[in-house]
All heavy atoms as atom14 arrays in JSON, in Angstrom:
{
  "sequence": "VALAGDGAIYVADFDNGRVRALDATGATSTLVAQDHFAHP",
  "atom14_mask": [
    [1, 1, 1, 1, 1, 1, 1, 0, 0, 0, 0, 0, 0, 0],
    [1, 1, 1, 1, 1, 0, 0, 0, 0, 0, 0, 0, 0, 0],
    [1, 1, 1, 1, 1, 1, 1, 1, 0, 0, 0, 0, 0, 0],
    [1, 1, 1, 1, 1, 0, 0, 0, 0, 0, 0, 0, 0, 0],
    [1, 1, 1, 1, 0, 0, 0, 0, 0, 0, 0, 0, 0, 0],
    [1, 1, 1, 1, 1, 1, 1, 1, 0, 0, 0, 0, 0, 0],
    [1, 1, 1, 1, 0, 0, 0, 0, 0, 0, 0, 0, 0, 0],
    [1, 1, 1, 1, 1, 0, 0, 0, 0, 0, 0, 0, 0, 0],
    [1, 1, 1, 1, 1, 1, 1, 1, 0, 0, 0, 0, 0, 0],
    [1, 1, 1, 1, 1, 1, 1, 1, 1, 1, 1, 1, 0, 0],
    [1, 1, 1, 1, 1, 1, 1, 0, 0, 0, 0, 0, 0, 0],
    [1, 1, 1, 1, 1, 0, 0, 0, 0, 0, 0, 0, 0, 0],
    [1, 1, 1, 1, 1, 1, 1, 1, 0, 0, 0, 0, 0, 0],
    [1, 1, 1, 1, 1, 1, 1, 1, 1, 1, 1, 0, 0, 0],
    [1, 1, 1, 1, 1, 1, 1, 1, 0, 0, 0, 0, 0, 0],
    [1, 1, 1, 1, 1, 1, 1, 1, 0, 0, 0, 0, 0, 0],
    [1, 1, 1, 1, 0, 0, 0, 0, 0, 0, 0, 0, 0, 0],
    [1, 1, 1, 1, 1, 1, 1, 1, 1, 1, 1, 0, 0, 0],
    [1, 1, 1, 1, 1, 1, 1, 0, 0, 0, 0, 0, 0, 0],
    [1, 1, 1, 1, 1, 1, 1, 1, 1, 1, 1, 0, 0, 0],
    [1, 1, 1, 1, 1, 0, 0, 0, 0, 0, 0, 0, 0, 0],
    [1, 1, 1, 1, 1, 1, 1, 1, 0, 0, 0, 0, 0, 0],
    [1, 1, 1, 1, 1, 1, 1, 1, 0, 0, 0, 0, 0, 0],
    [1, 1, 1, 1, 1, 0, 0, 0, 0, 0, 0, 0, 0, 0],
    [1, 1, 1, 1, 1, 1, 1, 0, 0, 0, 0, 0, 0, 0],
    [1, 1, 1, 1, 0, 0, 0, 0, 0, 0, 0, 0, 0, 0],
    [1, 1, 1, 1, 1, 0, 0, 0, 0, 0, 0, 0, 0, 0],
    [1, 1, 1, 1, 1, 1, 1, 0, 0, 0, 0, 0, 0, 0],
    [1, 1, 1, 1, 1, 1, 0, 0, 0, 0, 0, 0, 0, 0],
    [1, 1, 1, 1, 1, 1, 1, 0, 0, 0, 0, 0, 0, 0],
    [1, 1, 1, 1, 1, 1, 1, 1, 0, 0, 0, 0, 0, 0],
    [1, 1, 1, 1, 1, 1, 1, 0, 0, 0, 0, 0, 0, 0],
    [1, 1, 1, 1, 1, 0, 0, 0, 0, 0, 0, 0, 0, 0],
    [1, 1, 1, 1, 1, 1, 1, 1, 1, 0, 0, 0, 0, 0],
    [1, 1, 1, 1, 1, 1, 1, 1, 0, 0, 0, 0, 0, 0],
    [1, 1, 1, 1, 1, 1, 1, 1, 1, 1, 0, 0, 0, 0],
    [1, 1, 1, 1, 1, 1, 1, 1, 1, 1, 1, 0, 0, 0],
    [1, 1, 1, 1, 1, 0, 0, 0, 0, 0, 0, 0, 0, 0],
    [1, 1, 1, 1, 1, 1, 1, 1, 1, 1, 0, 0, 0, 0],
    [1, 1, 1, 1, 1, 1, 1, 0, 0, 0, 0, 0, 0, 0]
  ],
  "atom14_positions": [
    [[-1.0, 8.35, -0.88], [-0.96, 7.75, 0.45], [-2.28, 8.0, 1.15], [-2.99, 8.97, 0.85], [0.19, 8.32, 1.31], [1.54, 7.92, 0.76], [0.08, 9.84, 1.43], [0.0, 0.0, 0.0], [0.0, 0.0, 0.0], [0.0, 0.0, 0.0], [0.0, 0.0, 0.0], [0.0, 0.0, 0.0], [0.0, 0.0, 0.0], [0.0, 0.0, 0.0]],
    [[-2.61, 7.14, 2.1], [-3.77, 7.33, 2.96], [-3.44, 6.81, 4.35], [-2.85, 5.73, 4.49], [-5.0, 6.6, 2.41], [0.0, 0.0, 0.0], [0.0, 0.0, 0.0], [0.0, 0.0, 0.0], [0.0, 0.0, 0.0], [0.0, 0.0, 0.0], [0.0, 0.0, 0.0], [0.0, 0.0, 0.0], [0.0, 0.0, 0.0], [0.0, 0.0, 0.0]],
    [[-3.78, 7.58, 5.36], [-3.55, 7.21, 6.76], [-4.85, 6.72, 7.38], [-5.9, 7.33, 7.2], [-3.03, 8.4, 7.56], [-1.76, 9.08, 7.04], [-1.34, 10.2, 7.98], [-0.64, 8.08, 6.88], [0.0, 0.0, 0.0], [0.0, 0.0, 0.0], [0.0, 0.0, 0.0], [0.0, 0.0, 0.0], [0.0, 0.0, 0.0], [0.0, 0.0, 0.0]],
    [[-4.75, 5.62, 8.11], [-5.9, 5.1, 8.84], [-5.81, 5.52, 10.29], [-4.73, 5.85, 10.8], [-5.94, 3.57, 8.74], [0.0, 0.0, 0.0], [0.0, 0.0, 0.0], [0.0, 0.0, 0.0], [0.0, 0.0, 0.0], [0.0, 0.0, 0.0], [0.0, 0.0, 0.0], [0.0, 0.0, 0.0], [0.0, 0.0, 0.0], [0.0, 0.0, 0.0]],
    [[-6.95, 5.5, 10.98], [-6.99, 5.92, 12.37], [-6.14, 5.07, 13.29], [-5.72, 5.53, 14.36], [0.0, 0.0, 0.0], [0.0, 0.0, 0.0], [0.0, 0.0, 0.0], [0.0, 0.0, 0.0], [0.0, 0.0, 0.0], [0.0, 0.0, 0.0], [0.0, 0.0, 0.0], [0.0, 0.0, 0.0], [0.0, 0.0, 0.0], [0.0, 0.0, 0.0]],
    [[-5.86, 3.83, 12.88], [-5.03, 2.95, 13.71], [-3.54, 3.12, 13.44], [-2.72, 2.37, 13.96], [-5.44, 1.49, 13.51], [-5.33, 1.02, 12.06], [-4.79, 1.77, 11.22], [-5.8, -0.09, 11.76], [0.0, 0.0, 0.0], [0.0, 0.0, 0.0], [0.0, 0.0, 0.0], [0.0, 0.0, 0.0], [0.0, 0.0, 0.0], [0.0, 0.0, 0.0]],
    [[-3.19, 4.09, 12.61], [-1.78, 4.36, 12.33], [-1.24, 3.73, 11.07], [-0.12, 4.05, 10.66], [0.0, 0.0, 0.0], [0.0, 0.0, 0.0], [0.0, 0.0, 0.0], [0.0, 0.0, 0.0], [0.0, 0.0, 0.0], [0.0, 0.0, 0.0], [0.0, 0.0, 0.0], [0.0, 0.0, 0.0], [0.0, 0.0, 0.0], [0.0, 0.0, 0.0]],
    [[-2.01, 2.86, 10.43], [-1.54, 2.23, 9.19], [-1.4, 3.28, 8.09], [-2.19, 4.22, 7.99], [-2.49, 1.14, 8.76], [0.0, 0.0, 0.0], [0.0, 0.0, 0.0], [0.0, 0.0, 0.0], [0.0, 0.0, 0.0], [0.0, 0.0, 0.0], [0.0, 0.0, 0.0], [0.0, 0.0, 0.0], [0.0, 0.0, 0.0], [0.0, 0.0, 0.0]],
    [[-0.38, 3.09, 7.25], [-0.12, 3.96, 6.11], [-0.26, 3.12, 4.85], [0.42, 2.1, 4.69], [1.3, 4.55, 6.18], [1.5, 5.33, 7.48], [1.58, 5.43, 4.96], [2.95, 5.65, 7.76], [0.0, 0.0, 0.0], [0.0, 0.0, 0.0], [0.0, 0.0, 0.0], [0.0, 0.0, 0.0], [0.0, 0.0, 0.0], [0.0, 0.0, 0.0]],
    [[-1.14, 3.54, 3.96], [-1.33, 2.83, 2.7], [-0.74, 3.66, 1.56], [-0.9, 4.88, 1.52], [-2.8, 2.53, 2.45], [-3.39, 1.64, 3.53], [-4.24, 2.14, 4.49], [-3.04, 0.29, 3.59], [-4.75, 1.33, 5.49], [-3.54, -0.54, 4.59], [-4.39, -0.01, 5.54], [-4.88, -0.82, 6.53], [0.0, 0.0, 0.0], [0.0, 0.0, 0.0]],
    [[-0.09, 2.97, 0.63], [0.6, 3.63, -0.47], [0.14, 3.02, -1.79], [0.16, 1.78, -1.95], [2.13, 3.47, -0.34], [2.84, 4.1, -1.54], [2.62, 4.09, 0.96], [0.0, 0.0, 0.0], [0.0, 0.0, 0.0], [0.0, 0.0, 0.0], [0.0, 0.0, 0.0], [0.0, 0.0, 0.0], [0.0, 0.0, 0.0], [0.0, 0.0, 0.0]],
    [[-0.25, 3.87, -2.73], [-0.55, 3.42, -4.09], [0.78, 3.3, -4.83], [1.39, 4.31, -5.18], [-1.48, 4.4, -4.78], [0.0, 0.0, 0.0], [0.0, 0.0, 0.0], [0.0, 0.0, 0.0], [0.0, 0.0, 0.0], [0.0, 0.0, 0.0], [0.0, 0.0, 0.0], [0.0, 0.0, 0.0], [0.0, 0.0, 0.0], [0.0, 0.0, 0.0]],
    [[1.23, 2.08, -5.03], [2.51, 1.81, -5.7], [2.21, 1.64, -7.18], [2.04, 0.53, -7.7], [3.13, 0.56, -5.08], [4.6, 0.4, -5.43], [5.16, 1.28, -6.1], [5.19, -0.63, -5.01], [0.0, 0.0, 0.0], [0.0, 0.0, 0.0], [0.0, 0.0, 0.0], [0.0, 0.0, 0.0], [0.0, 0.0, 0.0], [0.0, 0.0, 0.0]],
    [[2.15, 2.75, -7.88], [1.52, 2.85, -9.2], [2.11, 1.9, -10.22], [1.4, 1.1, -10.83], [1.64, 4.3, -9.68], [0.86, 4.62, -10.92], [-0.5, 4.88, -10.85], [1.49, 4.69, -12.16], [-1.23, 5.19, -12.0], [0.78, 5.0, -13.3], [-0.6, 5.25, -13.22], [0.0, 0.0, 0.0], [0.0, 0.0, 0.0], [0.0, 0.0, 0.0]],
    [[3.42, 1.97, -10.44], [4.02, 1.18, -11.51], [4.15, -0.3, -11.16], [4.35, -1.14, -12.05], [5.38, 1.75, -11.89], [5.26, 3.05, -12.67], [4.15, 3.38, -13.13], [6.28, 3.77, -12.79], [0.0, 0.0, 0.0], [0.0, 0.0, 0.0], [0.0, 0.0, 0.0], [0.0, 0.0, 0.0], [0.0, 0.0, 0.0], [0.0, 0.0, 0.0]],
    [[4.04, -0.65, -9.88], [4.02, -2.05, -9.47], [2.62, -2.65, -9.47], [2.48, -3.86, -9.32], [4.63, -2.22, -8.08], [6.14, -2.24, -8.09], [6.76, -2.72, -9.04], [6.76, -1.72, -7.03], [0.0, 0.0, 0.0], [0.0, 0.0, 0.0], [0.0, 0.0, 0.0], [0.0, 0.0, 0.0], [0.0, 0.0, 0.0], [0.0, 0.0, 0.0]],
    [[1.58, -1.82, -9.59], [0.21, -2.34, -9.57], [-0.16, -2.94, -8.24], [-0.88, -3.94, -8.17], [0.0, 0.0, 0.0], [0.0, 0.0, 0.0], [0.0, 0.0, 0.0], [0.0, 0.0, 0.0], [0.0, 0.0, 0.0], [0.0, 0.0, 0.0], [0.0, 0.0, 0.0], [0.0, 0.0, 0.0], [0.0, 0.0, 0.0], [0.0, 0.0, 0.0]],
    [[0.3, -2.32, -7.14], [0.05, -2.84, -5.8], [-0.34, -1.73, -4.84], [-0.05, -0.55, -5.09], [1.29, -3.56, -5.26], [1.71, -4.76, -6.09], [2.82, -5.56, -5.44], [3.12, -6.76, -6.23], [3.68, -7.85, -5.75], [4.04, -7.91, -4.47], [3.91, -8.9, -6.51], [0.0, 0.0, 0.0], [0.0, 0.0, 0.0], [0.0, 0.0, 0.0]],
    [[-0.98, -2.12, -3.76], [-1.14, -1.24, -2.62], [-0.27, -1.79, -1.51], [-0.35, -2.97, -1.17], [-2.6, -1.14, -2.15], [-2.71, -0.3, -0.88], [-3.47, -0.55, -3.26], [0.0, 0.0, 0.0], [0.0, 0.0, 0.0], [0.0, 0.0, 0.0], [0.0, 0.0, 0.0], [0.0, 0.0, 0.0], [0.0, 0.0, 0.0], [0.0, 0.0, 0.0]],
    [[0.58, -0.93, -0.96], [1.51, -1.34, 0.09], [1.04, -0.78, 1.42], [0.34, 0.25, 1.48], [2.92, -0.83, -0.23], [3.35, -1.0, -1.67], [3.56, -2.46, -2.06], [4.77, -2.98, -1.44], [6.01, -2.76, -1.91], [6.19, -1.98, -2.98], [7.06, -3.29, -1.32], [0.0, 0.0, 0.0], [0.0, 0.0, 0.0], [0.0, 0.0, 0.0]],
    [[1.44, -1.42, 2.5], [1.12, -0.96, 3.85], [2.42, -0.74, 4.61], [3.32, -1.59, 4.58], [0.26, -1.99, 4.57], [0.0, 0.0, 0.0], [0.0, 0.0, 0.0], [0.0, 0.0, 0.0], [0.0, 0.0, 0.0], [0.0, 0.0, 0.0], [0.0, 0.0, 0.0], [0.0, 0.0, 0.0], [0.0, 0.0, 0.0], [0.0, 0.0, 0.0]],
    [[2.53, 0.41, 5.28], [3.73, 0.75, 6.05], [3.33, 1.03, 7.49], [2.21, 1.45, 7.77], [4.41, 2.0, 5.5], [5.26, 1.88, 4.23], [4.41, 1.59, 3.0], [6.06, 3.16, 4.01], [0.0, 0.0, 0.0], [0.0, 0.0, 0.0], [0.0, 0.0, 0.0], [0.0, 0.0, 0.0], [0.0, 0.0, 0.0], [0.0, 0.0, 0.0]],
    [[4.29, 0.8, 8.41], [4.09, 1.24, 9.77], [4.98, 2.45, 10.05], [5.65, 2.97, 9.15], [4.32, 0.1, 10.77], [5.78, -0.37, 10.84], [6.68, 0.35, 10.35], [6.0, -1.46, 11.4], [0.0, 0.0, 0.0], [0.0, 0.0, 0.0], [0.0, 0.0, 0.0], [0.0, 0.0, 0.0], [0.0, 0.0, 0.0], [0.0, 0.0, 0.0]],
    [[4.99, 2.92, 11.28], [5.69, 4.15, 11.62], [7.2, 4.03, 11.48], [7.9, 5.04, 11.4], [5.35, 4.57, 13.05], [0.0, 0.0, 0.0], [0.0, 0.0, 0.0], [0.0, 0.0, 0.0], [0.0, 0.0, 0.0], [0.0, 0.0, 0.0], [0.0, 0.0, 0.0], [0.0, 0.0, 0.0], [0.0, 0.0, 0.0], [0.0, 0.0, 0.0]],
    [[7.74, 2.8, 11.42], [9.18, 2.61, 11.25], [9.59, 2.49, 9.79], [10.78, 2.37, 9.49], [9.65, 1.34, 11.99], [9.18, 0.18, 11.29], [9.15, 1.32, 13.43], [0.0, 0.0, 0.0], [0.0, 0.0, 0.0], [0.0, 0.0, 0.0], [0.0, 0.0, 0.0], [0.0, 0.0, 0.0], [0.0, 0.0, 0.0], [0.0, 0.0, 0.0]],
    [[8.61, 2.49, 8.88], [8.89, 2.28, 7.47], [8.85, 0.85, 7.02], [9.03, 0.57, 5.83], [0.0, 0.0, 0.0], [0.0, 0.0, 0.0], [0.0, 0.0, 0.0], [0.0, 0.0, 0.0], [0.0, 0.0, 0.0], [0.0, 0.0, 0.0], [0.0, 0.0, 0.0], [0.0, 0.0, 0.0], [0.0, 0.0, 0.0], [0.0, 0.0, 0.0]],
    [[8.61, -0.1, 7.94], [8.48, -1.5, 7.55], [7.3, -1.64, 6.59], [6.21, -1.11, 6.84], [8.27, -2.38, 8.77], [0.0, 0.0, 0.0], [0.0, 0.0, 0.0], [0.0, 0.0, 0.0], [0.0, 0.0, 0.0], [0.0, 0.0, 0.0], [0.0, 0.0, 0.0], [0.0, 0.0, 0.0], [0.0, 0.0, 0.0], [0.0, 0.0, 0.0]],
    [[7.53, -2.34, 5.49], [6.6, -2.36, 4.36], [6.12, -3.77, 4.07], [6.91, -4.73, 4.08], [7.28, -1.78, 3.11], [7.69, -0.43, 3.39], [6.37, -1.78, 1.91], [0.0, 0.0, 0.0], [0.0, 0.0, 0.0], [0.0, 0.0, 0.0], [0.0, 0.0, 0.0], [0.0, 0.0, 0.0], [0.0, 0.0, 0.0], [0.0, 0.0, 0.0]],
    [[4.83, -3.89, 3.78], [4.26, -5.15, 3.32], [3.31, -4.85, 2.17], [2.98, -3.7, 1.9], [3.51, -5.86, 4.46], [2.45, -5.05, 4.95], [0.0, 0.0, 0.0], [0.0, 0.0, 0.0], [0.0, 0.0, 0.0], [0.0, 0.0, 0.0], [0.0, 0.0, 0.0], [0.0, 0.0, 0.0], [0.0, 0.0, 0.0], [0.0, 0.0, 0.0]],
    [[2.89, -5.9, 1.47], [1.96, -5.73, 0.35], [0.55, -6.07, 0.82], [0.31, -7.15, 1.35], [2.35, -6.62, -0.82], [3.62, -6.2, -1.32], [1.33, -6.56, -1.94], [0.0, 0.0, 0.0], [0.0, 0.0, 0.0], [0.0, 0.0, 0.0], [0.0, 0.0, 0.0], [0.0, 0.0, 0.0], [0.0, 0.0, 0.0], [0.0, 0.0, 0.0]],
    [[-0.38, -5.13, 0.63], [-1.78, -5.37, 0.99], [-2.56, -5.93, -0.19], [-3.31, -6.89, -0.04], [-2.43, -4.07, 1.47], [-3.92, -4.18, 1.82], [-4.1, -5.0, 3.09], [-4.55, -2.8, 1.97], [0.0, 0.0, 0.0], [0.0, 0.0, 0.0], [0.0, 0.0, 0.0], [0.0, 0.0, 0.0], [0.0, 0.0, 0.0], [0.0, 0.0, 0.0]],
    [[-2.39, -5.34, -1.38], [-3.15, -5.77, -2.56], [-2.19, -6.05, -3.7], [-1.39, -5.2, -4.08], [-4.17, -4.71, -3.01], [-5.0, -5.23, -4.19], [-5.07, -4.28, -1.88], [0.0, 0.0, 0.0], [0.0, 0.0, 0.0], [0.0, 0.0, 0.0], [0.0, 0.0, 0.0], [0.0, 0.0, 0.0], [0.0, 0.0, 0.0], [0.0, 0.0, 0.0]],
    [[-2.3, -7.26, -4.26], [-1.59, -7.64, -5.48], [-2.41, -8.75, -6.12], [-2.39, -9.88, -5.65], [-0.17, -8.11, -5.18], [0.0, 0.0, 0.0], [0.0, 0.0, 0.0], [0.0, 0.0, 0.0], [0.0, 0.0, 0.0], [0.0, 0.0, 0.0], [0.0, 0.0, 0.0], [0.0, 0.0, 0.0], [0.0, 0.0, 0.0], [0.0, 0.0, 0.0]],
    [[-3.18, -8.41, -7.15], [-4.0, -9.44, -7.78], [-4.16, -9.11, -9.26], [-3.88, -8.0, -9.71], [-5.36, -9.56, -7.09], [-6.24, -8.34, -7.15], [-7.53, -8.53, -6.35], [-7.49, -8.87, -5.15], [-8.67, -8.31, -7.0], [0.0, 0.0, 0.0], [0.0, 0.0, 0.0], [0.0, 0.0, 0.0], [0.0, 0.0, 0.0], [0.0, 0.0, 0.0]],
    [[-4.61, -10.11, -10.02], [-4.76, -9.94, -11.46], [-5.69, -8.79, -11.79], [-6.73, -8.58, -11.13], [-5.3, -11.23, -12.09], [-4.29, -12.36, -12.06], [-3.09, -12.07, -11.86], [-4.7, -13.53, -12.23], [0.0, 0.0, 0.0], [0.0, 0.0, 0.0], [0.0, 0.0, 0.0], [0.0, 0.0, 0.0], [0.0, 0.0, 0.0], [0.0, 0.0, 0.0]],
    [[-5.32, -8.04, -12.82], [-6.12, -6.93, -13.35], [-6.37, -5.84, -12.32], [-7.37, -5.13, -12.39], [-7.45, -7.45, -13.91], [-7.28, -8.43, -15.03], [-6.5, -8.18, -16.14], [-7.77, -9.69, -15.2], [-6.52, -9.22, -16.95], [-7.27, -10.16, -16.4], [0.0, 0.0, 0.0], [0.0, 0.0, 0.0], [0.0, 0.0, 0.0], [0.0, 0.0, 0.0]],
    [[-5.46, -5.71, -11.38], [-5.45, -4.58, -10.46], [-4.21, -3.78, -10.82], [-3.11, -4.08, -10.38], [-5.39, -5.08, -9.01], [-5.47, -3.99, -7.97], [-6.68, -3.65, -7.41], [-4.33, -3.32, -7.55], [-6.76, -2.65, -6.44], [-4.39, -2.32, -6.59], [-5.61, -1.99, -6.03], [0.0, 0.0, 0.0], [0.0, 0.0, 0.0], [0.0, 0.0, 0.0]],
    [[-4.38, -2.79, -11.7], [-3.22, -2.13, -12.3], [-3.34, -0.61, -12.19], [-4.41, -0.03, -12.35], [-3.1, -2.53, -13.77], [0.0, 0.0, 0.0], [0.0, 0.0, 0.0], [0.0, 0.0, 0.0], [0.0, 0.0, 0.0], [0.0, 0.0, 0.0], [0.0, 0.0, 0.0], [0.0, 0.0, 0.0], [0.0, 0.0, 0.0], [0.0, 0.0, 0.0]],
    [[-2.2, 0.02, -11.92], [-2.09, 1.47, -11.84], [-3.01, 2.07, -10.78], [-3.86, 2.91, -11.09], [-2.33, 2.12, -13.21], [-1.35, 1.69, -14.26], [-1.72, 1.07, -15.43], [0.01, 1.78, -14.3], [-0.66, 0.81, -16.15], [0.41, 1.21, -15.48], [0.0, 0.0, 0.0], [0.0, 0.0, 0.0], [0.0, 0.0, 0.0], [0.0, 0.0, 0.0]],
    [[-2.83, 1.68, -9.52], [-3.64, 2.29, -8.45], [-3.2, 3.72, -8.19], [-2.01, 4.05, -8.25], [-3.34, 1.39, -7.25], [-1.96, 0.86, -7.51], [-1.88, 0.67, -9.0], [0.0, 0.0, 0.0], [0.0, 0.0, 0.0], [0.0, 0.0, 0.0], [0.0, 0.0, 0.0], [0.0, 0.0, 0.0], [0.0, 0.0, 0.0], [0.0, 0.0, 0.0]]
  ]
}
């Protein structure tokens, strides 16, 4: 995980090959999902 100064929470979703973004309520979205971006 990594926290940004604006409160964003980034998660390395390893087995999905994605980076996810969360807010303080746990609401989740996908920030990165692209070809050959695997095991972050």
